Structures are given as structure tokens and as C-alpha cells.
Amino acid sequence: MLVNRARSGLRGIRFMTTLFERFFKRSGASAHHTSTIPASPLTFSVLLAAAGIALLVLPEIWIALAALIWAATGLLHLPRSAETLLWISVLPIGLWASWRILRLALESASTPEDGSAAG
């Protein structure tokens, strides 16, 4: 019984490791990332599609961060200086998320799903 639990724990660790590796290979964070589908050149339609994705997703991120700060300062009755410190501490997270969404939007808009040229 103890051996079975150890084996299932190892399977779980292997699964999470595989999932983690696949996520980073897909997201472009891996140094050895090679895409089999060539990306199309940066055209107006690609930029328009990426801008549409960004305009739909980025406001959600910033509204969620603003709601988080508003709720935290209101619930804890924090002064304006604490709210400013919260914004300063959360700002890098929002900027990173925005940059990541923009990169993924450009990547998804410029890489066709079926291998044909986008546009």
C-alpha cells in the first residue's frame, strides 16, 4: 500500500513536470523553442487582430487590479498613502501581464492554425 502511494505520488510529479515543460515550450519561454508553423509577416490584418485581442483582455486585467486595490483599501480602511503603495506594488504585475498578453496576441495572430498564410 505504501509502495502504491509512492508510485502515484511520483506519477503526479511527472505529470506536473510534463505540464510545466509543455506550458513553457508553448509560451516561448524556452531557449530551444522551435515552431513548425512559420509565422506570417507583420501585416495590417495581423496588427488589427492583435489589437482586438488586446482591447478585449487588457481592460479586464487593469479593472481587476483596480478592484483589488479598491476593495483592500476600503475593507481595511487604509489611507491614500497605503493605496498608493499598493498601486506601486501591483503595477509591475499589471505591466508584466499586459506585456505578456500583447506578445501572445501578436504570436497567435501571426501564426496561422492550419499552416497557411494569415491575412
PDB file of N, CA and C in Angstrom:
ATOM      1  N   MET A   1       0.817  -1.186   0.000  1.00  0.00           N
ATOM      2  CA  MET A   1       0.000   0.000   0.000  1.00  0.00           C
ATOM      3  C   MET A   1       0.864   1.255   0.000  1.00  0.00           C
ATOM      4  N   LEU A   2       1.910   1.243   0.803  1.00  0.00           N
ATOM      5  CA  LEU A   2       2.807   2.380   0.857  1.00  0.00           C
ATOM      6  C   LEU A   2       3.534   2.558  -0.471  1.00  0.00           C
ATOM      7  N   VAL A   3       3.868   1.444  -1.112  1.00  0.00           N
ATOM      8  CA  VAL A   3       4.543   1.487  -2.407  1.00  0.00           C
ATOM      9  C   VAL A   3       3.614   2.099  -3.464  1.00  0.00           C
ATOM     10  N   ASN A   4       2.330   1.725  -3.437  1.00  0.00           N
ATOM     11  CA  ASN A   4       1.374   2.281  -4.390  1.00  0.00           C
ATOM     12  C   ASN A   4       1.210   3.785  -4.213  1.00  0.00           C
ATOM     13  N   ARG A   5       1.180   4.242  -2.971  1.00  0.00           N
ATOM     14  CA  ARG A   5       1.077   5.689  -2.724  1.00  0.00           C
ATOM     15  C   ARG A   5       2.312   6.416  -3.234  1.00  0.00           C
ATOM     16  N   ALA A   6       3.462   5.828  -3.028  1.00  0.00           N
ATOM     17  CA  ALA A   6       4.699   6.448  -3.512  1.00  0.00           C
ATOM     18  C   ALA A   6       4.700   6.507  -5.035  1.00  0.00           C
ATOM     19  N   ARG A   7       4.242   5.434  -5.686  1.00  0.00           N
ATOM     20  CA  ARG A   7       4.193   5.422  -7.148  1.00  0.00           C
ATOM     21  C   ARG A   7       3.208   6.450  -7.674  1.00  0.00           C
ATOM     22  N   SER A   8       2.037   6.562  -7.046  1.00  0.00           N
ATOM     23  CA  SER A   8       1.064   7.548  -7.514  1.00  0.00           C
ATOM     24  C   SER A   8       1.586   8.959  -7.288  1.00  0.00           C
ATOM     25  N   GLY A   9       2.331   9.173  -6.207  1.00  0.00           N
ATOM     26  CA  GLY A   9       2.931  10.488  -5.976  1.00  0.00           C
ATOM     27  C   GLY A   9       3.958  10.829  -7.039  1.00  0.00           C
ATOM     28  N   LEU A  10       4.763   9.830  -7.427  1.00  0.00           N
ATOM     29  CA  LEU A  10       5.742  10.046  -8.490  1.00  0.00           C
ATOM     30  C   LEU A  10       5.055  10.322  -9.822  1.00  0.00           C
ATOM     31  N   ARG A  11       3.942   9.627 -10.107  1.00  0.00           N
ATOM     32  CA  ARG A  11       3.198   9.887 -11.337  1.00  0.00           C
ATOM     33  C   ARG A  11       2.674  11.311 -11.359  1.00  0.00           C
ATOM     34  N   GLY A  12       2.206  11.780 -10.215  1.00  0.00           N
ATOM     35  CA  GLY A  12       1.715  13.152 -10.124  1.00  0.00           C
ATOM     36  C   GLY A  12       2.821  14.162 -10.365  1.00  0.00           C
ATOM     37  N   ILE A  13       3.993  13.890  -9.813  1.00  0.00           N
ATOM     38  CA  ILE A  13       5.126  14.795 -10.016  1.00  0.00           C
ATOM     39  C   ILE A  13       5.549  14.790 -11.480  1.00  0.00           C
ATOM     40  N   ARG A  14       5.593  13.611 -12.099  1.00  0.00           N
ATOM     41  CA  ARG A  14       5.943  13.535 -13.519  1.00  0.00           C
ATOM     42  C   ARG A  14       4.930  14.285 -14.373  1.00  0.00           C
ATOM     43  N   PHE A  15       3.638  14.126 -14.049  1.00  0.00           N
ATOM     44  CA  PHE A  15       2.594  14.811 -14.795  1.00  0.00           C
ATOM     45  C   PHE A  15       2.748  16.323 -14.688  1.00  0.00           C
ATOM     46  N   MET A  16       2.982  16.822 -13.471  1.00  0.00           N
ATOM     47  CA  MET A  16       3.129  18.264 -13.281  1.00  0.00           C
ATOM     48  C   MET A  16       4.387  18.780 -13.982  1.00  0.00           C
ATOM     49  N   THR A  17       5.469  17.998 -13.947  1.00  0.00           N
ATOM     50  CA  THR A  17       6.694  18.395 -14.635  1.00  0.00           C
ATOM     51  C   THR A  17       6.469  18.462 -16.137  1.00  0.00           C
ATOM     52  N   THR A  18       5.782  17.466 -16.688  1.00  0.00           N
ATOM     53  CA  THR A  18       5.483  17.462 -18.117  1.00  0.00           C
ATOM     54  C   THR A  18       4.584  18.629 -18.487  1.00  0.00           C
ATOM     55  N   LEU A  19       3.581  18.895 -17.664  1.00  0.00           N
ATOM     56  CA  LEU A  19       2.677  20.012 -17.913  1.00  0.00           C
ATOM     57  C   LEU A  19       3.438  21.334 -17.874  1.00  0.00           C
ATOM     58  N   PHE A  20       4.324  21.474 -16.889  1.00  0.00           N
ATOM     59  CA  PHE A  20       5.127  22.677 -16.754  1.00  0.00           C
ATOM     60  C   PHE A  20       6.027  22.882 -17.975  1.00  0.00           C
ATOM     61  N   GLU A  21       6.681  21.809 -18.441  1.00  0.00           N
ATOM     62  CA  GLU A  21       7.559  21.906 -19.605  1.00  0.00           C
ATOM     63  C   GLU A  21       6.771  22.252 -20.861  1.00  0.00           C
ATOM     64  N   ARG A  22       5.603  21.655 -21.030  1.00  0.00           N
ATOM     65  CA  ARG A  22       4.786  21.965 -22.203  1.00  0.00           C
ATOM     66  C   ARG A  22       4.316  23.404 -22.194  1.00  0.00           C
ATOM     67  N   PHE A  23       3.944  23.910 -21.019  1.00  0.00           N
ATOM     68  CA  PHE A  23       3.500  25.296 -20.932  1.00  0.00           C
ATOM     69  C   PHE A  23       4.604  26.244 -21.368  1.00  0.00           C
ATOM     70  N   PHE A  24       5.813  26.041 -20.873  1.00  0.00           N
ATOM     71  CA  PHE A  24       6.893  26.954 -21.212  1.00  0.00           C
ATOM     72  C   PHE A  24       7.373  26.772 -22.643  1.00  0.00           C
ATOM     73  N   LYS A  25       7.242  25.582 -23.204  1.00  0.00           N
ATOM     74  CA  LYS A  25       7.595  25.414 -24.614  1.00  0.00           C
ATOM     75  C   LYS A  25       6.595  26.126 -25.498  1.00  0.00           C
ATOM     76  N   ARG A  26       5.308  26.099 -25.140  1.00  0.00           N
ATOM     77  CA  ARG A  26       4.294  26.780 -25.932  1.00  0.00           C
ATOM     78  C   ARG A  26       4.369  28.282 -25.776  1.00  0.00           C
ATOM     79  N   SER A  27       4.739  28.772 -24.601  1.00  0.00           N
ATOM     80  CA  SER A  27       4.710  30.201 -24.355  1.00  0.00           C
ATOM     81  C   SER A  27       5.928  30.916 -24.905  1.00  0.00           C
ATOM     82  N   GLY A  28       6.923  30.191 -25.396  1.00  0.00           N
ATOM     83  CA  GLY A  28       8.098  30.828 -25.966  1.00  0.00           C
ATOM     84  C   GLY A  28       9.169  31.146 -24.942  1.00  0.00           C
ATOM     85  N   ALA A  29       9.005  30.691 -23.693  1.00  0.00           N
ATOM     86  CA  ALA A  29       9.980  30.992 -22.656  1.00  0.00           C
ATOM     87  C   ALA A  29      11.207  30.094 -22.756  1.00  0.00           C
ATOM     88  N   SER A  30      11.089  28.989 -23.453  1.00  0.00           N
ATOM     89  CA  SER A  30      12.200  28.063 -23.577  1.00  0.00           C
ATOM     90  C   SER A  30      13.215  28.596 -24.587  1.00  0.00           C
ATOM     91  N   ALA A  31      14.483  28.387 -24.305  1.00  0.00           N
ATOM     92  CA  ALA A  31      15.522  28.840 -25.220  1.00  0.00           C
ATOM     93  C   ALA A  31      15.578  27.972 -26.469  1.00  0.00           C
ATOM     94  N   HIS A  32      15.062  26.748 -26.391  1.00  0.00           N
ATOM     95  CA  HIS A  32      15.120  25.818 -27.505  1.00  0.00           C
ATOM     96  C   HIS A  32      13.785  25.733 -28.233  1.00  0.00           C
ATOM     97  N   HIS A  33      12.987  26.790 -28.151  1.00  0.00           N
ATOM     98  CA  HIS A  33      11.659  26.789 -28.761  1.00  0.00           C
ATOM     99  C   HIS A  33      11.789  26.846 -30.280  1.00  0.00           C
ATOM    100  N   THR A  34      11.257  25.845 -30.944  1.00  0.00           N
ATOM    101  CA  THR A  34      11.244  25.848 -32.402  1.00  0.00           C
ATOM    102  C   THR A  34       9.825  25.619 -32.857  1.00  0.00           C
ATOM    103  N   SER A  35       9.352  26.473 -33.711  1.00  0.00           N
ATOM    104  CA  SER A  35       7.989  26.363 -34.203  1.00  0.00           C
ATOM    105  C   SER A  35       8.000  25.651 -35.549  1.00  0.00           C
ATOM    106  N   THR A  36       7.072  24.722 -35.749  1.00  0.00           N
ATOM    107  CA  THR A  36       6.991  24.027 -37.018  1.00  0.00           C
ATOM    108  C   THR A  36       6.161  24.807 -38.021  1.00  0.00           C
ATOM    109  N   ILE A  37       5.314  25.708 -37.552  1.00  0.00           N
ATOM    110  CA  ILE A  37       4.496  26.533 -38.428  1.00  0.00           C
ATOM    111  C   ILE A  37       5.160  27.901 -38.551  1.00  0.00           C
ATOM    112  N   PRO A  38       5.541  28.308 -39.744  1.00  0.00           N
ATOM    113  CA  PRO A  38       6.195  29.606 -39.874  1.00  0.00           C
ATOM    114  C   PRO A  38       5.208  30.749 -39.620  1.00  0.00           C
ATOM    115  N   ALA A  39       5.691  31.773 -38.961  1.00  0.00           N
ATOM    116  CA  ALA A  39       4.856  32.937 -38.684  1.00  0.00           C
ATOM    117  C   ALA A  39       4.768  33.789 -39.941  1.00  0.00           C
ATOM    118  N   SER A  40       3.591  34.344 -40.170  1.00  0.00           N
ATOM    119  CA  SER A  40       3.426  35.200 -41.334  1.00  0.00           C
ATOM    120  C   SER A  40       4.011  36.576 -41.032  1.00  0.00           C
ATOM    121  N   PRO A  41       4.313  37.347 -42.065  1.00  0.00           N
ATOM    122  CA  PRO A  41       4.875  38.673 -41.817  1.00  0.00           C
ATOM    123  C   PRO A  41       3.864  39.572 -41.104  1.00  0.00           C
ATOM    124  N   LEU A  42       4.380  40.590 -40.464  1.00  0.00           N
ATOM    125  CA  LEU A  42       3.553  41.520 -39.716  1.00  0.00           C
ATOM    126  C   LEU A  42       2.781  42.405 -40.697  1.00  0.00           C
ATOM    127  N   THR A  43       1.512  42.137 -40.853  1.00  0.00           N
ATOM    128  CA  THR A  43       0.675  42.905 -41.770  1.00  0.00           C
ATOM    129  C   THR A  43      -0.368  43.679 -40.977  1.00  0.00           C
ATOM    130  N   PHE A  44      -1.133  44.493 -41.694  1.00  0.00           N
ATOM    131  CA  PHE A  44      -2.166  45.291 -41.044  1.00  0.00           C
ATOM    132  C   PHE A  44      -3.223  44.395 -40.406  1.00  0.00           C
ATOM    133  N   SER A  45      -3.582  43.313 -41.068  1.00  0.00           N
ATOM    134  CA  SER A  45      -4.609  42.423 -40.513  1.00  0.00           C
ATOM    135  C   SER A  45      -4.117  41.727 -39.247  1.00  0.00           C
ATOM    136  N   VAL A  46      -2.828  41.395 -39.196  1.00  0.00           N
ATOM    137  CA  VAL A  46      -2.256  40.783 -38.000  1.00  0.00           C
ATOM    138  C   VAL A  46      -2.271  41.783 -36.854  1.00  0.00           C
ATOM    139  N   LEU A  47      -1.866  43.027 -37.135  1.00  0.00           N
ATOM    140  CA  LEU A  47      -1.887  44.053 -36.103  1.00  0.00           C
ATOM    141  C   LEU A  47      -3.305  44.352 -35.636  1.00  0.00           C
ATOM    142  N   LEU A  48      -4.255  44.351 -36.563  1.00  0.00           N
ATOM    143  CA  LEU A  48      -5.645  44.613 -36.212  1.00  0.00           C
ATOM    144  C   LEU A  48      -6.200  43.488 -35.330  1.00  0.00           C
ATOM    145  N   ALA A  49      -5.876  42.257 -35.649  1.00  0.00           N
ATOM    146  CA  ALA A  49      -6.332  41.124 -34.833  1.00  0.00           C
ATOM    147  C   ALA A  49      -5.706  41.166 -33.441  1.00  0.00           C
ATOM    148  N   ALA A  50      -4.420  41.471 -33.373  1.00  0.00           N
ATOM    149  CA  ALA A  50      -3.747  41.556 -32.074  1.00  0.00           C
ATOM    150  C   ALA A  50      -4.299  42.717 -31.248  1.00  0.00           C
ATOM    151  N   ALA A  51      -4.593  43.838 -31.909  1.00  0.00           N
ATOM    152  CA  ALA A  51      -5.167  44.986 -31.190  1.00  0.00           C
ATOM    153  C   ALA A  51      -6.555  44.645 -30.662  1.00  0.00           C
ATOM    154  N   GLY A  52      -7.324  43.901 -31.430  1.00  0.00           N
ATOM    155  CA  GLY A  52      -8.642  43.490 -30.959  1.00  0.00           C
ATOM    156  C   GLY A  52      -8.569  42.605 -29.741  1.00  0.00           C
ATOM    157  N   ILE A  53      -7.630  41.655 -29.767  1.00  0.00           N
ATOM    158  CA  ILE A  53      -7.442  40.772 -28.614  1.00  0.00           C
ATOM    159  C   ILE A  53      -7.015  41.593 -27.401  1.00  0.00           C
ATOM    160  N   ALA A  54      -6.074  42.504 -27.615  1.00  0.00           N
ATOM    161  CA  ALA A  54      -5.564  43.318 -26.509  1.00  0.00           C
ATOM    162  C   ALA A  54      -6.660  44.225 -25.942  1.00  0.00           C
ATOM    163  N   LEU A  55      -7.480  44.808 -26.804  1.00  0.00           N
ATOM    164  CA  LEU A  55      -8.542  45.692 -26.322  1.00  0.00           C
ATOM    165  C   LEU A  55      -9.618  44.941 -25.552  1.00  0.00           C
ATOM    166  N   LEU A  56      -9.769  43.670 -25.802  1.00  0.00           N
ATOM    167  CA  LEU A  56     -10.746  42.892 -25.042  1.00  0.00           C
ATOM    168  C   LEU A  56     -10.187  42.385 -23.712  1.00  0.00           C
ATOM    169  N   VAL A  57      -8.901  42.070 -23.658  1.00  0.00           N
ATOM    170  CA  VAL A  57      -8.341  41.419 -22.478  1.00  0.00           C
ATOM    171  C   VAL A  57      -7.678  42.399 -21.510  1.00  0.00           C
ATOM    172  N   LEU A  58      -6.938  43.375 -22.016  1.00  0.00           N
ATOM    173  CA  LEU A  58      -6.188  44.268 -21.133  1.00  0.00           C
ATOM    174  C   LEU A  58      -7.063  45.064 -20.166  1.00  0.00           C
ATOM    175  N   PRO A  59      -8.199  45.606 -20.594  1.00  0.00           N
ATOM    176  CA  PRO A  59      -9.029  46.303 -19.595  1.00  0.00           C
ATOM    177  C   PRO A  59      -9.499  45.395 -18.467  1.00  0.00           C
ATOM    178  N   GLU A  60      -9.716  44.132 -18.749  1.00  0.00           N
ATOM    179  CA  GLU A  60     -10.128  43.211 -17.689  1.00  0.00           C
ATOM    180  C   GLU A  60      -9.038  43.070 -16.627  1.00  0.00           C
ATOM    181  N   ILE A  61      -7.792  43.018 -17.073  1.00  0.00           N
ATOM    182  CA  ILE A  61      -6.678  42.895 -16.129  1.00  0.00           C
ATOM    183  C   ILE A  61      -6.604  44.124 -15.237  1.00  0.00           C
ATOM    184  N   TRP A  62      -6.649  45.304 -15.844  1.00  0.00           N
ATOM    185  CA  TRP A  62      -6.496  46.533 -15.075  1.00  0.00           C
ATOM    186  C   TRP A  62      -7.709  46.816 -14.202  1.00  0.00           C
ATOM    187  N   ILE A  63      -8.915  46.448 -14.655  1.00  0.00           N
ATOM    188  CA  ILE A  63     -10.105  46.614 -13.815  1.00  0.00           C
ATOM    189  C   ILE A  63     -10.038  45.676 -12.615  1.00  0.00           C
ATOM    190  N   ALA A  64      -9.550  44.467 -12.839  1.00  0.00           N
ATOM    191  CA  ALA A  64      -9.410  43.520 -11.724  1.00  0.00           C
ATOM    192  C   ALA A  64      -8.389  44.027 -10.706  1.00  0.00           C
ATOM    193  N   LEU A  65      -7.276  44.574 -11.182  1.00  0.00           N
ATOM    194  CA  LEU A  65      -6.281  45.112 -10.253  1.00  0.00           C
ATOM    195  C   LEU A  65      -6.827  46.321  -9.492  1.00  0.00           C
ATOM    196  N   ALA A  66      -7.550  47.195 -10.190  1.00  0.00           N
ATOM    197  CA  ALA A  66      -8.141  48.360  -9.526  1.00  0.00           C
ATOM    198  C   ALA A  66      -9.183  47.934  -8.500  1.00  0.00           C
ATOM    199  N   ALA A  67      -9.985  46.927  -8.833  1.00  0.00           N
ATOM    200  CA  ALA A  67     -10.987  46.436  -7.884  1.00  0.00           C
ATOM    201  C   ALA A  67     -10.324  45.806  -6.669  1.00  0.00           C
ATOM    202  N   LEU A  68      -9.221  45.110  -6.893  1.00  0.00           N
ATOM    203  CA  LEU A  68      -8.488  44.505  -5.783  1.00  0.00           C
ATOM    204  C   LEU A  68      -7.973  45.575  -4.828  1.00  0.00           C
ATOM    205  N   ILE A  69      -7.379  46.602  -5.373  1.00  0.00           N
ATOM    206  CA  ILE A  69      -6.835  47.673  -4.534  1.00  0.00           C
ATOM    207  C   ILE A  69      -7.961  48.440  -3.847  1.00  0.00           C
ATOM    208  N   TRP A  70      -9.023  48.734  -4.589  1.00  0.00           N
ATOM    209  CA  TRP A  70     -10.152  49.450  -4.011  1.00  0.00           C
ATOM    210  C   TRP A  70     -10.763  48.661  -2.856  1.00  0.00           C
ATOM    211  N   ALA A  71     -10.930  47.340  -3.053  1.00  0.00           N
ATOM    212  CA  ALA A  71     -11.511  46.511  -2.001  1.00  0.00           C
ATOM    213  C   ALA A  71     -10.583  46.410  -0.791  1.00  0.00           C
ATOM    214  N   ALA A  72      -9.296  46.270  -1.041  1.00  0.00           N
ATOM    215  CA  ALA A  72      -8.342  46.144   0.066  1.00  0.00           C
ATOM    216  C   ALA A  72      -8.289  47.428   0.889  1.00  0.00           C
ATOM    217  N   THR A  73      -8.238  48.570   0.229  1.00  0.00           N
ATOM    218  CA  THR A  73      -8.166  49.834   0.972  1.00  0.00           C
ATOM    219  C   THR A  73      -9.491  50.152   1.658  1.00  0.00           C
ATOM    220  N   GLY A  74     -10.601  49.797   1.045  1.00  0.00           N
ATOM    221  CA  GLY A  74     -11.896  50.058   1.671  1.00  0.00           C
ATOM    222  C   GLY A  74     -12.177  49.125   2.826  1.00  0.00           C
ATOM    223  N   LEU A  75     -11.823  47.859   2.661  1.00  0.00           N
ATOM    224  CA  LEU A  75     -12.086  46.870   3.701  1.00  0.00           C
ATOM    225  C   LEU A  75     -11.207  47.110   4.929  1.00  0.00           C
ATOM    226  N   LEU A  76      -9.990  47.490   4.694  1.00  0.00           N
ATOM    227  CA  LEU A  76      -9.052  47.697   5.801  1.00  0.00           C
ATOM    228  C   LEU A  76      -8.988  49.148   6.258  1.00  0.00           C
ATOM    229  N   HIS A  77      -9.771  50.025   5.644  1.00  0.00           N
ATOM    230  CA  HIS A  77      -9.799  51.458   5.971  1.00  0.00           C
ATOM    231  C   HIS A  77      -8.396  52.060   5.916  1.00  0.00           C
ATOM    232  N   LEU A  78      -7.709  51.805   4.822  1.00  0.00           N
ATOM    233  CA  LEU A  78      -6.346  52.300   4.658  1.00  0.00           C
ATOM    234  C   LEU A  78      -6.363  53.722   4.106  1.00  0.00           C
ATOM    235  N   PRO A  79      -5.370  54.517   4.456  1.00  0.00           N
ATOM    236  CA  PRO A  79      -5.313  55.893   3.933  1.00  0.00           C
ATOM    237  C   PRO A  79      -4.839  55.912   2.484  1.00  0.00           C
ATOM    238  N   ARG A  80      -4.856  57.088   1.884  1.00  0.00           N
ATOM    239  CA  ARG A  80      -4.485  57.265   0.478  1.00  0.00           C
ATOM    240  C   ARG A  80      -3.026  56.860   0.235  1.00  0.00           C
ATOM    241  N   SER A  81      -2.157  57.088   1.214  1.00  0.00           N
ATOM    242  CA  SER A  81      -0.747  56.715   1.047  1.00  0.00           C
ATOM    243  C   SER A  81      -0.591  55.201   0.931  1.00  0.00           C
ATOM    244  N   ALA A  82      -1.385  54.453   1.687  1.00  0.00           N
ATOM    245  CA  ALA A  82      -1.330  52.985   1.584  1.00  0.00           C
ATOM    246  C   ALA A  82      -1.864  52.526   0.232  1.00  0.00           C
ATOM    247  N   GLU A  83      -2.882  53.226  -0.271  1.00  0.00           N
ATOM    248  CA  GLU A  83      -3.402  52.885  -1.592  1.00  0.00           C
ATOM    249  C   GLU A  83      -2.342  53.128  -2.661  1.00  0.00           C
ATOM    250  N   THR A  84      -1.609  54.205  -2.516  1.00  0.00           N
ATOM    251  CA  THR A  84      -0.522  54.498  -3.458  1.00  0.00           C
ATOM    252  C   THR A  84       0.553  53.424  -3.394  1.00  0.00           C
ATOM    253  N   LEU A  85       0.900  52.981  -2.195  1.00  0.00           N
ATOM    254  CA  LEU A  85       1.889  51.905  -2.057  1.00  0.00           C
ATOM    255  C   LEU A  85       1.380  50.594  -2.655  1.00  0.00           C
ATOM    256  N   LEU A  86       0.090  50.331  -2.496  1.00  0.00           N
ATOM    257  CA  LEU A  86      -0.464  49.134  -3.123  1.00  0.00           C
ATOM    258  C   LEU A  86      -0.388  49.224  -4.638  1.00  0.00           C
ATOM    259  N   TRP A  87      -0.699  50.394  -5.198  1.00  0.00           N
ATOM    260  CA  TRP A  87      -0.591  50.561  -6.651  1.00  0.00           C
ATOM    261  C   TRP A  87       0.847  50.363  -7.121  1.00  0.00           C
ATOM    262  N   ILE A  88       1.790  50.909  -6.368  1.00  0.00           N
ATOM    263  CA  ILE A  88       3.198  50.759  -6.740  1.00  0.00           C
ATOM    264  C   ILE A  88       3.619  49.296  -6.677  1.00  0.00           C
ATOM    265  N   SER A  89       3.103  48.548  -5.706  1.00  0.00           N
ATOM    266  CA  SER A  89       3.490  47.144  -5.596  1.00  0.00           C
ATOM    267  C   SER A  89       2.791  46.261  -6.633  1.00  0.00           C
ATOM    268  N   VAL A  90       1.599  46.643  -7.090  1.00  0.00           N
ATOM    269  CA  VAL A  90       0.846  45.835  -8.040  1.00  0.00           C
ATOM    270  C   VAL A  90       1.138  46.240  -9.483  1.00  0.00           C
ATOM    271  N   LEU A  91       1.650  47.415  -9.691  1.00  0.00           N
ATOM    272  CA  LEU A  91       1.916  47.926 -11.033  1.00  0.00           C
ATOM    273  C   LEU A  91       2.828  47.018 -11.860  1.00  0.00           C
ATOM    274  N   PRO A  92       3.934  46.487 -11.319  1.00  0.00           N
ATOM    275  CA  PRO A  92       4.753  45.580 -12.137  1.00  0.00           C
ATOM    276  C   PRO A  92       4.008  44.324 -12.578  1.00  0.00           C
ATOM    277  N   ILE A  93       3.124  43.817 -11.744  1.00  0.00           N
ATOM    278  CA  ILE A  93       2.349  42.636 -12.124  1.00  0.00           C
ATOM    279  C   ILE A  93       1.430  42.963 -13.286  1.00  0.00           C
ATOM    280  N   GLY A  94       0.776  44.106 -13.210  1.00  0.00           N
ATOM    281  CA  GLY A  94      -0.114  44.517 -14.296  1.00  0.00           C
ATOM    282  C   GLY A  94       0.638  44.790 -15.586  1.00  0.00           C
ATOM    283  N   LEU A  95       1.787  45.424 -15.479  1.00  0.00           N
ATOM    284  CA  LEU A  95       2.587  45.690 -16.677  1.00  0.00           C
ATOM    285  C   LEU A  95       3.101  44.397 -17.299  1.00  0.00           C
ATOM    286  N   TRP A  96       3.553  43.460 -16.454  1.00  0.00           N
ATOM    287  CA  TRP A  96       4.016  42.176 -16.974  1.00  0.00           C
ATOM    288  C   TRP A  96       2.878  41.432 -17.661  1.00  0.00           C
ATOM    289  N   ALA A  97       1.705  41.416 -17.028  1.00  0.00           N
ATOM    290  CA  ALA A  97       0.563  40.712 -17.615  1.00  0.00           C
ATOM    291  C   ALA A  97       0.151  41.364 -18.933  1.00  0.00           C
ATOM    292  N   SER A  98       0.192  42.686 -18.986  1.00  0.00           N
ATOM    293  CA  SER A  98      -0.159  43.390 -20.227  1.00  0.00           C
ATOM    294  C   SER A  98       0.834  43.063 -21.334  1.00  0.00           C
ATOM    295  N   TRP A  99       2.116  43.093 -21.004  1.00  0.00           N
ATOM    296  CA  TRP A  99       3.145  42.782 -21.998  1.00  0.00           C
ATOM    297  C   TRP A  99       2.995  41.348 -22.489  1.00  0.00           C
ATOM    298  N   ARG A 100       2.713  40.444 -21.579  1.00  0.00           N
ATOM    299  CA  ARG A 100       2.564  39.034 -21.944  1.00  0.00           C
ATOM    300  C   ARG A 100       1.342  38.830 -22.846  1.00  0.00           C
ATOM    301  N   ILE A 101       0.248  39.488 -22.536  1.00  0.00           N
ATOM    302  CA  ILE A 101      -0.958  39.383 -23.356  1.00  0.00           C
ATOM    303  C   ILE A 101      -0.685  39.942 -24.748  1.00  0.00           C
ATOM    304  N   LEU A 102       0.013  41.070 -24.827  1.00  0.00           N
ATOM    305  CA  LEU A 102       0.332  41.643 -26.140  1.00  0.00           C
ATOM    306  C   LEU A 102       1.218  40.716 -26.956  1.00  0.00           C
ATOM    307  N   ARG A 103       2.219  40.119 -26.313  1.00  0.00           N
ATOM    308  CA  ARG A 103       3.089  39.171 -27.026  1.00  0.00           C
ATOM    309  C   ARG A 103       2.313  37.966 -27.518  1.00  0.00           C
ATOM    310  N   LEU A 104       1.480  37.400 -26.663  1.00  0.00           N
ATOM    311  CA  LEU A 104       0.699  36.233 -27.055  1.00  0.00           C
ATOM    312  C   LEU A 104      -0.325  36.579 -28.126  1.00  0.00           C
ATOM    313  N   ALA A 105      -0.887  37.784 -28.067  1.00  0.00           N
ATOM    314  CA  ALA A 105      -1.851  38.201 -29.089  1.00  0.00           C
ATOM    315  C   ALA A 105      -1.166  38.330 -30.443  1.00  0.00           C
ATOM    316  N   LEU A 106       0.008  38.946 -30.477  1.00  0.00           N
ATOM    317  CA  LEU A 106       0.746  39.054 -31.735  1.00  0.00           C
ATOM    318  C   LEU A 106       1.166  37.684 -32.253  1.00  0.00           C
ATOM    319  N   GLU A 107       1.600  36.830 -31.345  1.00  0.00           N
ATOM    320  CA  GLU A 107       2.028  35.490 -31.746  1.00  0.00           C
ATOM    321  C   GLU A 107       0.861  34.674 -32.302  1.00  0.00           C
ATOM    322  N   SER A 108      -0.279  34.748 -31.639  1.00  0.00           N
ATOM    323  CA  SER A 108      -1.422  33.965 -32.112  1.00  0.00           C
ATOM    324  C   SER A 108      -2.012  34.538 -33.391  1.00  0.00           C
ATOM    325  N   ALA A 109      -1.942  35.860 -33.554  1.00  0.00           N
ATOM    326  CA  ALA A 109      -2.488  36.458 -34.774  1.00  0.00           C
ATOM    327  C   ALA A 109      -1.555  36.236 -35.967  1.00  0.00           C
ATOM    328  N   SER A 110      -0.254  36.126 -35.727  1.00  0.00           N
ATOM    329  CA  SER A 110       0.678  35.984 -36.830  1.00  0.00           C
ATOM    330  C   SER A 110       0.963  34.524 -37.177  1.00  0.00           C
ATOM    331  N   THR A 111       0.589  33.580 -36.325  1.00  0.00           N
ATOM    332  CA  THR A 111       0.817  32.175 -36.609  1.00  0.00           C
ATOM    333  C   THR A 111      -0.494  31.537 -37.007  1.00  0.00           C
ATOM    334  N   PRO A 112      -0.644  31.155 -38.268  1.00  0.00           N
ATOM    335  CA  PRO A 112      -1.891  30.535 -38.707  1.00  0.00           C
ATOM    336  C   PRO A 112      -2.055  29.147 -38.091  1.00  0.00           C
ATOM    337  N   GLU A 113      -3.286  28.768 -37.853  1.00  0.00           N
ATOM    338  CA  GLU A 113      -3.552  27.469 -37.218  1.00  0.00           C
ATOM    339  C   GLU A 113      -3.371  26.311 -38.182  1.00  0.00           C
ATOM    340  N   ASP A 114      -3.672  26.524 -39.479  1.00  0.00           N
ATOM    341  CA  ASP A 114      -3.610  25.418 -40.424  1.00  0.00           C
ATOM    342  C   ASP A 114      -2.324  25.391 -41.253  1.00  0.00           C
ATOM    343  N   GLY A 115      -1.402  26.309 -40.977  1.00  0.00           N
ATOM    344  CA  GLY A 115      -0.141  26.322 -41.693  1.00  0.00           C
ATOM    345  C   GLY A 115      -0.153  27.190 -42.945  1.00  0.00           C
ATOM    346  N   SER A 116      -1.315  27.710 -43.319  1.00  0.00           N
ATOM    347  CA  SER A 116      -1.355  28.603 -44.490  1.00  0.00           C
ATOM    348  C   SER A 116      -1.034  30.016 -44.069  1.00  0.00           C
ATOM    349  N   ALA A 117      -0.846  30.890 -45.023  1.00  0.00           N
ATOM    350  CA  ALA A 117      -0.507  32.278 -44.729  1.00  0.00           C
ATOM    351  C   ALA A 117      -1.714  32.988 -44.127  1.00  0.00           C
ATOM    352  N   ALA A 118      -1.437  33.784 -43.084  1.00  0.00           N
ATOM    353  CA  ALA A 118      -2.517  34.549 -42.449  1.00  0.00           C
ATOM    354  C   ALA A 118      -2.799  35.795 -43.259  1.00  0.00           C
ATOM    355  N   GLY A 119      -3.990  36.303 -43.101  1.00  0.00           N
ATOM    356  CA  GLY A 119      -4.287  37.563 -43.771  1.00  0.00           C
ATOM    357  C   GLY A 119      -5.491  37.493 -44.518  1.00  0.00           C
TER     358      GLY A 119
END
